[in-house]
Amino acid sequence: MGEVEMTGWRRRSEWRPSARAWAMRGALALFVLFAAGCGPGYLDAGKKVPATPENRAIHNVLVSYHKAMEDRDVSALRKLISKRYYENGGTTDTDKDDYGIDRLEAEVLPKLQANVKRVQFRIRLLAIAIDGDNANAEFEYVGRALLTEGGKESYKMWNDFAQMKLLREDGAWKIAEGL
C-alpha cells in the first residue's frame, strides 16, 4: 500500500491565517453587525410597533412619563407636557371635568405630589400612529398607587387601556392629552 498524504492538515504552530482570510472574516463580521442593526426591530413584545426613529422618539416619551410618574417627579412631567395640553376627562356629555394646561399646573400636578405616596405600574405599548406633527400612542397599563385622602391611606389598583396624544413642539414630542 502506498503512503496517503493528508492535505490541509498542519501542525498548529504552522497554521496562520492569511491576510485574505482576515479580510474575509472582518467583512463577514461587519455584514452580520450591519444586517442586525438595519432591521427595524420592534418596540413591543407583540411585534406590532416597528422601531422606526419616530416611533422610538414617542416610545422614549412614554418611558420618561412612566419614570416621572413612578418617581412622582412633577418637574420631569412638566418637561414632557405640551403647552396645548387639554384633557376631556373621558366624558363627552359634560365639560365640567375638562381642563387645560393652566388647571393641570394649578390643581392636578400639585395633587399628584401631595396625595400620591407611591406609584407602581407597567405600560404595554400596543400601537403608535403618526400624522405629521400629531401622534397617538395606545397602551395597556396595570398598576397600583398608594393614595392619601382625608388623612387616610389606601391603595388603588387599575388595569385599563389608554391613548396618549402627542404633539411635536420645537422638534420634540410632548404629551397633549392622556396623562
N, C-alpha and C. Protein backbone atom coordinates (compact mmCIF):
# COMPACT_ATOMS: atom_id res chain seq x y z
N MET A 1 0.84 -1.16 0.00
CA MET A 1 0.00 0.00 0.00
C MET A 1 0.88 1.22 0.00
N GLY A 2 0.41 2.20 -0.71
CA GLY A 2 1.17 3.43 -0.79
C GLY A 2 0.87 4.34 0.38
N GLU A 3 1.68 5.34 0.48
CA GLU A 3 1.53 6.30 1.56
C GLU A 3 0.45 7.32 1.21
N VAL A 4 -0.44 7.63 2.15
CA VAL A 4 -1.52 8.58 1.93
C VAL A 4 -1.09 9.94 2.44
N GLU A 5 -1.21 10.94 1.59
CA GLU A 5 -0.85 12.29 2.00
C GLU A 5 -2.11 13.01 2.48
N MET A 6 -2.10 13.57 3.64
CA MET A 6 -3.24 14.30 4.19
C MET A 6 -3.02 15.78 3.92
N THR A 7 -3.79 16.32 3.00
CA THR A 7 -3.64 17.73 2.68
C THR A 7 -4.52 18.55 3.60
N GLY A 8 -4.13 19.75 3.83
CA GLY A 8 -4.92 20.66 4.66
C GLY A 8 -4.63 20.52 6.14
N TRP A 9 -3.90 19.52 6.53
CA TRP A 9 -3.57 19.36 7.94
C TRP A 9 -2.16 19.79 8.18
N ARG A 10 -1.98 20.62 9.12
CA ARG A 10 -0.65 21.07 9.50
C ARG A 10 -0.56 21.07 11.01
N ARG A 11 0.60 21.14 11.48
CA ARG A 11 0.76 21.28 12.92
C ARG A 11 0.28 22.66 13.32
N ARG A 12 -0.23 22.77 14.51
CA ARG A 12 -0.80 24.03 15.00
C ARG A 12 0.18 25.19 14.86
N SER A 13 1.42 24.99 15.13
CA SER A 13 2.39 26.09 15.09
C SER A 13 2.61 26.58 13.66
N GLU A 14 2.25 25.78 12.66
CA GLU A 14 2.47 26.19 11.29
C GLU A 14 1.27 26.93 10.69
N TRP A 15 0.09 26.79 11.29
CA TRP A 15 -1.11 27.37 10.70
C TRP A 15 -1.23 28.84 11.06
N ARG A 16 -1.32 29.68 10.05
CA ARG A 16 -1.52 31.11 10.25
C ARG A 16 -2.47 31.59 9.16
N PRO A 17 -3.56 32.25 9.56
CA PRO A 17 -4.47 32.73 8.54
C PRO A 17 -3.82 33.82 7.70
N SER A 18 -4.13 33.80 6.45
CA SER A 18 -3.55 34.78 5.54
C SER A 18 -4.26 36.12 5.71
N ALA A 19 -3.70 37.14 5.12
CA ALA A 19 -4.32 38.47 5.15
C ALA A 19 -5.69 38.42 4.49
N ARG A 20 -5.80 37.62 3.45
CA ARG A 20 -7.10 37.49 2.77
C ARG A 20 -8.13 36.84 3.69
N ALA A 21 -7.74 35.85 4.46
CA ALA A 21 -8.65 35.19 5.39
C ALA A 21 -9.12 36.18 6.45
N TRP A 22 -8.18 37.00 6.96
CA TRP A 22 -8.56 38.02 7.95
C TRP A 22 -9.52 39.03 7.34
N ALA A 23 -9.29 39.42 6.12
CA ALA A 23 -10.18 40.39 5.45
C ALA A 23 -11.57 39.79 5.26
N MET A 24 -11.64 38.51 4.90
CA MET A 24 -12.93 37.85 4.72
C MET A 24 -13.67 37.75 6.05
N ARG A 25 -12.96 37.40 7.11
CA ARG A 25 -13.60 37.32 8.43
C ARG A 25 -14.10 38.69 8.87
N GLY A 26 -13.30 39.71 8.65
CA GLY A 26 -13.72 41.07 9.01
C GLY A 26 -14.94 41.51 8.22
N ALA A 27 -14.95 41.21 6.93
CA ALA A 27 -16.10 41.58 6.10
C ALA A 27 -17.35 40.84 6.55
N LEU A 28 -17.21 39.57 6.90
CA LEU A 28 -18.35 38.79 7.39
C LEU A 28 -18.86 39.37 8.71
N ALA A 29 -17.97 39.72 9.61
CA ALA A 29 -18.38 40.29 10.90
C ALA A 29 -19.11 41.62 10.70
N LEU A 30 -18.60 42.46 9.81
CA LEU A 30 -19.26 43.74 9.52
C LEU A 30 -20.63 43.52 8.90
N PHE A 31 -20.73 42.55 8.01
CA PHE A 31 -22.03 42.26 7.38
C PHE A 31 -23.04 41.82 8.44
N VAL A 32 -22.63 40.94 9.35
CA VAL A 32 -23.53 40.46 10.40
C VAL A 32 -23.97 41.62 11.28
N LEU A 33 -23.03 42.47 11.69
CA LEU A 33 -23.39 43.63 12.51
C LEU A 33 -24.31 44.58 11.75
N PHE A 34 -24.01 44.84 10.50
CA PHE A 34 -24.83 45.74 9.69
C PHE A 34 -26.22 45.17 9.50
N ALA A 35 -26.33 43.90 9.19
CA ALA A 35 -27.64 43.27 8.96
C ALA A 35 -28.47 43.28 10.24
N ALA A 36 -27.84 43.02 11.37
CA ALA A 36 -28.58 43.03 12.64
C ALA A 36 -29.02 44.45 13.00
N GLY A 37 -28.21 45.44 12.70
CA GLY A 37 -28.53 46.82 13.04
C GLY A 37 -29.51 47.46 12.08
N CYS A 38 -29.64 46.96 10.88
CA CYS A 38 -30.50 47.58 9.88
C CYS A 38 -31.96 47.20 10.03
N GLY A 39 -32.23 46.04 10.54
CA GLY A 39 -33.61 45.65 10.72
C GLY A 39 -34.27 46.57 11.73
N PRO A 40 -35.54 46.94 11.50
CA PRO A 40 -36.14 47.91 12.38
C PRO A 40 -36.36 47.38 13.79
N GLY A 41 -36.56 46.10 13.95
CA GLY A 41 -36.89 45.58 15.26
C GLY A 41 -38.27 46.10 15.66
N TYR A 42 -38.64 45.84 16.89
CA TYR A 42 -39.94 46.26 17.38
C TYR A 42 -39.82 46.84 18.77
N LEU A 43 -40.74 47.74 19.10
CA LEU A 43 -40.74 48.37 20.41
C LEU A 43 -41.63 47.65 21.40
N ASP A 44 -42.36 46.64 20.94
CA ASP A 44 -43.30 45.94 21.79
C ASP A 44 -43.11 44.43 21.62
N ALA A 45 -43.54 43.70 22.63
CA ALA A 45 -43.39 42.25 22.58
C ALA A 45 -44.29 41.62 21.52
N GLY A 46 -45.39 42.24 21.20
CA GLY A 46 -46.31 41.71 20.20
C GLY A 46 -45.86 41.95 18.77
N LYS A 47 -44.75 42.64 18.60
CA LYS A 47 -44.17 42.92 17.29
C LYS A 47 -45.15 43.62 16.35
N LYS A 48 -45.85 44.62 16.92
CA LYS A 48 -46.78 45.41 16.12
C LYS A 48 -46.27 46.83 15.88
N VAL A 49 -45.35 47.30 16.73
CA VAL A 49 -44.86 48.67 16.63
C VAL A 49 -43.40 48.65 16.19
N PRO A 50 -43.14 48.92 14.91
CA PRO A 50 -41.75 48.91 14.41
C PRO A 50 -40.91 49.98 15.10
N ALA A 51 -39.66 49.68 15.30
CA ALA A 51 -38.74 50.59 15.97
C ALA A 51 -38.15 51.60 14.99
N THR A 52 -39.02 52.39 14.36
CA THR A 52 -38.56 53.46 13.48
C THR A 52 -38.06 54.61 14.35
N PRO A 53 -37.28 55.53 13.81
CA PRO A 53 -36.81 56.66 14.62
C PRO A 53 -37.97 57.47 15.24
N GLU A 54 -39.04 57.72 14.48
CA GLU A 54 -40.17 58.48 15.02
C GLU A 54 -40.89 57.70 16.12
N ASN A 55 -41.14 56.41 15.89
CA ASN A 55 -41.78 55.59 16.92
C ASN A 55 -40.92 55.51 18.17
N ARG A 56 -39.62 55.40 17.96
CA ARG A 56 -38.70 55.33 19.11
C ARG A 56 -38.74 56.63 19.92
N ALA A 57 -38.85 57.77 19.24
CA ALA A 57 -38.93 59.06 19.95
C ALA A 57 -40.19 59.12 20.81
N ILE A 58 -41.30 58.64 20.27
CA ILE A 58 -42.55 58.63 21.04
C ILE A 58 -42.46 57.62 22.17
N HIS A 59 -41.89 56.47 21.89
CA HIS A 59 -41.68 55.45 22.93
C HIS A 59 -40.84 56.02 24.06
N ASN A 60 -39.82 56.80 23.73
CA ASN A 60 -38.98 57.41 24.76
C ASN A 60 -39.76 58.38 25.64
N VAL A 61 -40.74 59.08 25.06
CA VAL A 61 -41.61 59.96 25.86
C VAL A 61 -42.40 59.11 26.84
N LEU A 62 -42.95 57.98 26.38
CA LEU A 62 -43.70 57.09 27.27
C LEU A 62 -42.81 56.55 28.40
N VAL A 63 -41.58 56.20 28.06
CA VAL A 63 -40.65 55.70 29.07
C VAL A 63 -40.36 56.79 30.10
N SER A 64 -40.14 58.03 29.63
CA SER A 64 -39.89 59.15 30.54
C SER A 64 -41.11 59.45 31.40
N TYR A 65 -42.29 59.38 30.80
CA TYR A 65 -43.55 59.58 31.52
C TYR A 65 -43.69 58.53 32.63
N HIS A 66 -43.43 57.28 32.28
CA HIS A 66 -43.52 56.19 33.26
C HIS A 66 -42.58 56.43 34.43
N LYS A 67 -41.36 56.79 34.13
CA LYS A 67 -40.37 57.04 35.20
C LYS A 67 -40.78 58.22 36.06
N ALA A 68 -41.22 59.31 35.42
CA ALA A 68 -41.62 60.50 36.18
C ALA A 68 -42.82 60.20 37.08
N MET A 69 -43.77 59.41 36.59
CA MET A 69 -44.93 59.06 37.41
C MET A 69 -44.51 58.19 38.60
N GLU A 70 -43.70 57.18 38.36
CA GLU A 70 -43.29 56.32 39.46
C GLU A 70 -42.42 57.06 40.47
N ASP A 71 -41.63 58.02 39.98
CA ASP A 71 -40.79 58.81 40.88
C ASP A 71 -41.56 59.98 41.50
N ARG A 72 -42.81 60.19 41.03
CA ARG A 72 -43.61 61.33 41.45
C ARG A 72 -42.85 62.63 41.22
N ASP A 73 -42.19 62.69 40.09
CA ASP A 73 -41.33 63.82 39.73
C ASP A 73 -42.11 64.80 38.86
N VAL A 74 -42.75 65.77 39.50
CA VAL A 74 -43.59 66.74 38.81
C VAL A 74 -42.76 67.60 37.85
N SER A 75 -41.56 67.91 38.22
CA SER A 75 -40.69 68.70 37.35
C SER A 75 -40.41 67.97 36.04
N ALA A 76 -40.13 66.68 36.13
CA ALA A 76 -39.88 65.88 34.91
C ALA A 76 -41.16 65.78 34.08
N LEU A 77 -42.32 65.65 34.72
CA LEU A 77 -43.59 65.61 34.00
C LEU A 77 -43.83 66.90 33.23
N ARG A 78 -43.56 68.02 33.87
CA ARG A 78 -43.77 69.32 33.22
C ARG A 78 -42.98 69.44 31.92
N LYS A 79 -41.79 68.88 31.90
CA LYS A 79 -40.96 68.93 30.70
C LYS A 79 -41.54 68.10 29.55
N LEU A 80 -42.39 67.13 29.88
CA LEU A 80 -42.98 66.25 28.87
C LEU A 80 -44.32 66.75 28.34
N ILE A 81 -44.90 67.75 28.99
CA ILE A 81 -46.26 68.18 28.69
C ILE A 81 -46.28 69.35 27.71
N SER A 82 -47.18 69.25 26.74
CA SER A 82 -47.37 70.30 25.74
C SER A 82 -47.98 71.56 26.35
N LYS A 83 -47.65 72.69 25.78
CA LYS A 83 -48.28 73.96 26.17
C LYS A 83 -49.75 73.96 25.80
N ARG A 84 -50.13 73.07 24.88
CA ARG A 84 -51.52 72.98 24.42
C ARG A 84 -52.26 71.78 25.04
N TYR A 85 -51.80 71.34 26.19
CA TYR A 85 -52.42 70.18 26.85
C TYR A 85 -53.89 70.44 27.10
N TYR A 86 -54.72 69.42 26.84
CA TYR A 86 -56.15 69.50 27.12
C TYR A 86 -56.67 68.11 27.43
N GLU A 87 -57.37 67.98 28.52
CA GLU A 87 -57.91 66.69 28.96
C GLU A 87 -59.42 66.80 29.05
N ASN A 88 -60.13 65.87 28.41
CA ASN A 88 -61.59 65.93 28.47
C ASN A 88 -62.15 65.00 29.55
N GLY A 89 -61.32 64.39 30.33
CA GLY A 89 -61.79 63.56 31.43
C GLY A 89 -62.47 62.28 31.00
N GLY A 90 -62.46 61.99 29.73
CA GLY A 90 -63.07 60.77 29.23
C GLY A 90 -64.58 60.84 29.10
N THR A 91 -65.14 62.02 29.28
CA THR A 91 -66.59 62.17 29.16
C THR A 91 -66.93 63.07 27.99
N THR A 92 -68.05 62.78 27.35
CA THR A 92 -68.48 63.62 26.23
C THR A 92 -69.75 64.39 26.54
N ASP A 93 -70.45 63.99 27.62
CA ASP A 93 -71.72 64.64 27.93
C ASP A 93 -71.58 65.88 28.81
N THR A 94 -70.39 66.10 29.36
CA THR A 94 -70.17 67.27 30.20
C THR A 94 -68.74 67.76 30.03
N ASP A 95 -68.56 69.05 30.26
CA ASP A 95 -67.20 69.59 30.20
C ASP A 95 -66.71 70.02 31.58
N LYS A 96 -67.45 69.65 32.63
CA LYS A 96 -67.07 70.04 33.99
C LYS A 96 -65.77 69.38 34.45
N ASP A 97 -65.44 68.23 33.86
CA ASP A 97 -64.20 67.56 34.24
C ASP A 97 -63.07 67.81 33.23
N ASP A 98 -63.29 68.69 32.28
CA ASP A 98 -62.26 69.03 31.29
C ASP A 98 -61.30 70.05 31.89
N TYR A 99 -60.06 70.02 31.45
CA TYR A 99 -59.10 71.02 31.88
C TYR A 99 -57.95 71.13 30.89
N GLY A 100 -57.31 72.29 30.91
CA GLY A 100 -56.17 72.56 30.06
C GLY A 100 -54.90 72.67 30.89
N ILE A 101 -53.89 73.24 30.29
CA ILE A 101 -52.57 73.33 30.93
C ILE A 101 -52.62 74.14 32.23
N ASP A 102 -53.43 75.21 32.26
CA ASP A 102 -53.49 76.04 33.47
C ASP A 102 -53.99 75.26 34.68
N ARG A 103 -55.09 74.53 34.50
CA ARG A 103 -55.65 73.75 35.61
C ARG A 103 -54.75 72.56 35.94
N LEU A 104 -54.12 71.99 34.90
CA LEU A 104 -53.17 70.90 35.13
C LEU A 104 -52.07 71.37 36.07
N GLU A 105 -51.52 72.55 35.77
CA GLU A 105 -50.44 73.12 36.58
C GLU A 105 -50.92 73.51 37.98
N ALA A 106 -52.10 74.11 38.06
CA ALA A 106 -52.58 74.65 39.33
C ALA A 106 -53.18 73.60 40.27
N GLU A 107 -53.83 72.57 39.71
CA GLU A 107 -54.55 71.63 40.56
C GLU A 107 -54.07 70.18 40.46
N VAL A 108 -53.94 69.68 39.25
CA VAL A 108 -53.68 68.25 39.08
C VAL A 108 -52.27 67.86 39.52
N LEU A 109 -51.27 68.54 39.03
CA LEU A 109 -49.89 68.18 39.38
C LEU A 109 -49.61 68.37 40.88
N PRO A 110 -50.10 69.47 41.52
CA PRO A 110 -49.90 69.56 42.97
C PRO A 110 -50.59 68.42 43.74
N LYS A 111 -51.77 67.95 43.27
CA LYS A 111 -52.44 66.82 43.92
C LYS A 111 -51.60 65.56 43.78
N LEU A 112 -51.03 65.37 42.61
CA LEU A 112 -50.17 64.21 42.39
C LEU A 112 -49.05 64.21 43.41
N GLN A 113 -48.43 65.36 43.58
CA GLN A 113 -47.31 65.45 44.50
C GLN A 113 -47.74 65.28 45.96
N ALA A 114 -48.91 65.84 46.32
CA ALA A 114 -49.34 65.81 47.72
C ALA A 114 -50.06 64.51 48.11
N ASN A 115 -50.91 63.99 47.24
CA ASN A 115 -51.77 62.87 47.63
C ASN A 115 -51.28 61.50 47.21
N VAL A 116 -50.44 61.43 46.21
CA VAL A 116 -49.95 60.13 45.75
C VAL A 116 -48.62 59.86 46.44
N LYS A 117 -48.62 58.81 47.24
CA LYS A 117 -47.41 58.48 48.02
C LYS A 117 -46.49 57.51 47.30
N ARG A 118 -47.09 56.63 46.51
CA ARG A 118 -46.29 55.63 45.79
C ARG A 118 -47.07 55.19 44.56
N VAL A 119 -46.37 55.00 43.45
CA VAL A 119 -47.00 54.53 42.22
C VAL A 119 -46.12 53.45 41.63
N GLN A 120 -46.76 52.36 41.23
CA GLN A 120 -46.07 51.30 40.50
C GLN A 120 -47.00 50.88 39.38
N PHE A 121 -46.48 50.88 38.16
CA PHE A 121 -47.30 50.40 37.06
C PHE A 121 -46.45 49.98 35.89
N ARG A 122 -47.09 49.23 35.00
CA ARG A 122 -46.44 48.78 33.77
C ARG A 122 -47.25 49.30 32.60
N ILE A 123 -46.56 49.63 31.55
CA ILE A 123 -47.20 50.05 30.31
C ILE A 123 -46.83 49.03 29.25
N ARG A 124 -47.84 48.55 28.53
CA ARG A 124 -47.60 47.65 27.40
C ARG A 124 -48.04 48.38 26.14
N LEU A 125 -47.08 48.77 25.34
CA LEU A 125 -47.35 49.52 24.11
C LEU A 125 -48.10 48.64 23.12
N LEU A 126 -49.17 49.21 22.55
CA LEU A 126 -49.99 48.46 21.59
C LEU A 126 -49.87 49.01 20.18
N ALA A 127 -49.80 50.33 20.04
CA ALA A 127 -49.74 50.93 18.70
C ALA A 127 -49.28 52.38 18.80
N ILE A 128 -48.66 52.84 17.73
CA ILE A 128 -48.33 54.25 17.56
C ILE A 128 -48.76 54.65 16.16
N ALA A 129 -49.49 55.76 16.08
CA ALA A 129 -49.91 56.30 14.79
C ALA A 129 -49.45 57.74 14.72
N ILE A 130 -48.73 58.08 13.64
CA ILE A 130 -48.19 59.43 13.47
C ILE A 130 -48.78 60.04 12.22
N ASP A 131 -49.24 61.28 12.35
CA ASP A 131 -49.78 62.04 11.23
C ASP A 131 -49.18 63.44 11.31
N GLY A 132 -48.07 63.63 10.62
CA GLY A 132 -47.39 64.92 10.66
C GLY A 132 -46.84 65.21 12.05
N ASP A 133 -47.34 66.30 12.66
CA ASP A 133 -46.88 66.69 13.99
C ASP A 133 -47.83 66.21 15.09
N ASN A 134 -48.70 65.28 14.77
CA ASN A 134 -49.64 64.69 15.73
C ASN A 134 -49.37 63.20 15.82
N ALA A 135 -49.53 62.66 17.01
CA ALA A 135 -49.33 61.22 17.19
C ALA A 135 -50.25 60.70 18.29
N ASN A 136 -50.60 59.44 18.17
CA ASN A 136 -51.36 58.73 19.20
C ASN A 136 -50.58 57.49 19.59
N ALA A 137 -50.47 57.27 20.88
CA ALA A 137 -49.86 56.05 21.39
C ALA A 137 -50.93 55.32 22.19
N GLU A 138 -51.21 54.09 21.80
CA GLU A 138 -52.18 53.27 22.51
C GLU A 138 -51.42 52.27 23.37
N PHE A 139 -51.90 52.10 24.60
CA PHE A 139 -51.21 51.19 25.51
C PHE A 139 -52.18 50.63 26.54
N GLU A 140 -51.75 49.54 27.15
CA GLU A 140 -52.45 48.98 28.30
C GLU A 140 -51.60 49.28 29.52
N TYR A 141 -52.24 49.63 30.61
CA TYR A 141 -51.47 49.86 31.82
C TYR A 141 -52.09 49.09 32.98
N VAL A 142 -51.22 48.62 33.85
CA VAL A 142 -51.60 47.86 35.03
C VAL A 142 -50.78 48.43 36.17
N GLY A 143 -51.44 48.76 37.27
CA GLY A 143 -50.65 49.29 38.36
C GLY A 143 -51.43 49.51 39.62
N ARG A 144 -50.76 50.14 40.56
CA ARG A 144 -51.38 50.49 41.82
C ARG A 144 -50.71 51.74 42.35
N ALA A 145 -51.47 52.45 43.19
CA ALA A 145 -50.96 53.67 43.80
C ALA A 145 -51.38 53.71 45.25
N LEU A 146 -50.51 54.20 46.10
CA LEU A 146 -50.84 54.45 47.49
C LEU A 146 -51.25 55.92 47.57
N LEU A 147 -52.53 56.14 47.92
CA LEU A 147 -53.09 57.49 47.95
C LEU A 147 -53.40 57.91 49.37
N THR A 148 -53.33 59.21 49.62
CA THR A 148 -53.76 59.79 50.88
C THR A 148 -54.90 60.75 50.59
N GLU A 149 -56.05 60.45 51.17
CA GLU A 149 -57.21 61.33 51.02
C GLU A 149 -57.89 61.44 52.37
N GLY A 150 -58.12 62.66 52.81
CA GLY A 150 -58.77 62.87 54.11
C GLY A 150 -57.98 62.28 55.26
N GLY A 151 -56.67 62.24 55.15
CA GLY A 151 -55.82 61.71 56.21
C GLY A 151 -55.73 60.19 56.23
N LYS A 152 -56.40 59.50 55.31
CA LYS A 152 -56.35 58.04 55.27
C LYS A 152 -55.61 57.58 54.02
N GLU A 153 -54.78 56.57 54.22
CA GLU A 153 -54.04 55.98 53.10
C GLU A 153 -54.76 54.74 52.60
N SER A 154 -54.79 54.58 51.28
CA SER A 154 -55.38 53.39 50.69
C SER A 154 -54.73 53.15 49.33
N TYR A 155 -54.75 51.90 48.93
CA TYR A 155 -54.22 51.55 47.61
C TYR A 155 -55.34 51.55 46.60
N LYS A 156 -55.06 52.05 45.44
CA LYS A 156 -55.98 51.96 44.31
C LYS A 156 -55.25 51.15 43.25
N MET A 157 -55.95 50.17 42.71
CA MET A 157 -55.36 49.34 41.66
C MET A 157 -56.16 49.55 40.39
N TRP A 158 -55.49 49.42 39.24
CA TRP A 158 -56.19 49.60 37.98
C TRP A 158 -55.53 48.78 36.89
N ASN A 159 -56.33 48.48 35.89
CA ASN A 159 -55.88 47.80 34.68
C ASN A 159 -56.80 48.32 33.58
N ASP A 160 -56.24 49.03 32.62
CA ASP A 160 -57.08 49.64 31.60
C ASP A 160 -56.28 49.86 30.32
N PHE A 161 -57.00 50.24 29.29
CA PHE A 161 -56.40 50.62 28.03
C PHE A 161 -56.50 52.14 27.93
N ALA A 162 -55.50 52.75 27.34
CA ALA A 162 -55.49 54.21 27.25
C ALA A 162 -54.86 54.65 25.95
N GLN A 163 -55.06 55.92 25.68
CA GLN A 163 -54.47 56.54 24.50
C GLN A 163 -53.86 57.86 24.94
N MET A 164 -52.64 58.10 24.51
CA MET A 164 -51.97 59.35 24.80
C MET A 164 -51.77 60.08 23.48
N LYS A 165 -52.19 61.32 23.44
CA LYS A 165 -51.98 62.13 22.25
C LYS A 165 -50.74 62.98 22.46
N LEU A 166 -49.94 63.07 21.40
CA LEU A 166 -48.72 63.84 21.47
C LEU A 166 -48.67 64.83 20.32
N LEU A 167 -48.02 65.95 20.56
CA LEU A 167 -47.79 66.97 19.54
C LEU A 167 -46.30 67.24 19.45
N ARG A 168 -45.84 67.51 18.24
CA ARG A 168 -44.44 67.88 18.08
C ARG A 168 -44.34 69.39 18.29
N GLU A 169 -43.56 69.79 19.28
CA GLU A 169 -43.34 71.20 19.58
C GLU A 169 -41.84 71.46 19.63
N ASP A 170 -41.40 72.40 18.86
CA ASP A 170 -39.97 72.75 18.82
C ASP A 170 -39.10 71.52 18.59
N GLY A 171 -39.57 70.62 17.71
CA GLY A 171 -38.79 69.45 17.33
C GLY A 171 -38.86 68.29 18.29
N ALA A 172 -39.63 68.40 19.39
CA ALA A 172 -39.73 67.32 20.37
C ALA A 172 -41.20 66.93 20.56
N TRP A 173 -41.44 65.66 20.82
CA TRP A 173 -42.79 65.19 21.08
C TRP A 173 -43.16 65.53 22.52
N LYS A 174 -44.36 66.11 22.68
CA LYS A 174 -44.88 66.50 24.00
C LYS A 174 -46.27 65.89 24.19
N ILE A 175 -46.61 65.57 25.42
CA ILE A 175 -47.91 64.98 25.74
C ILE A 175 -48.97 66.07 25.68
N ALA A 176 -50.00 65.86 24.85
CA ALA A 176 -51.06 66.84 24.68
C ALA A 176 -52.37 66.39 25.33
N GLU A 177 -52.48 65.10 25.63
CA GLU A 177 -53.69 64.56 26.27
C GLU A 177 -53.38 63.15 26.74
N GLY A 178 -53.96 62.76 27.87
CA GLY A 178 -53.87 61.37 28.29
C GLY A 178 -52.94 61.07 29.44
N LEU A 179 -52.64 62.05 30.28
CA LEU A 179 -51.81 61.75 31.46
C LEU A 179 -52.58 60.79 32.36
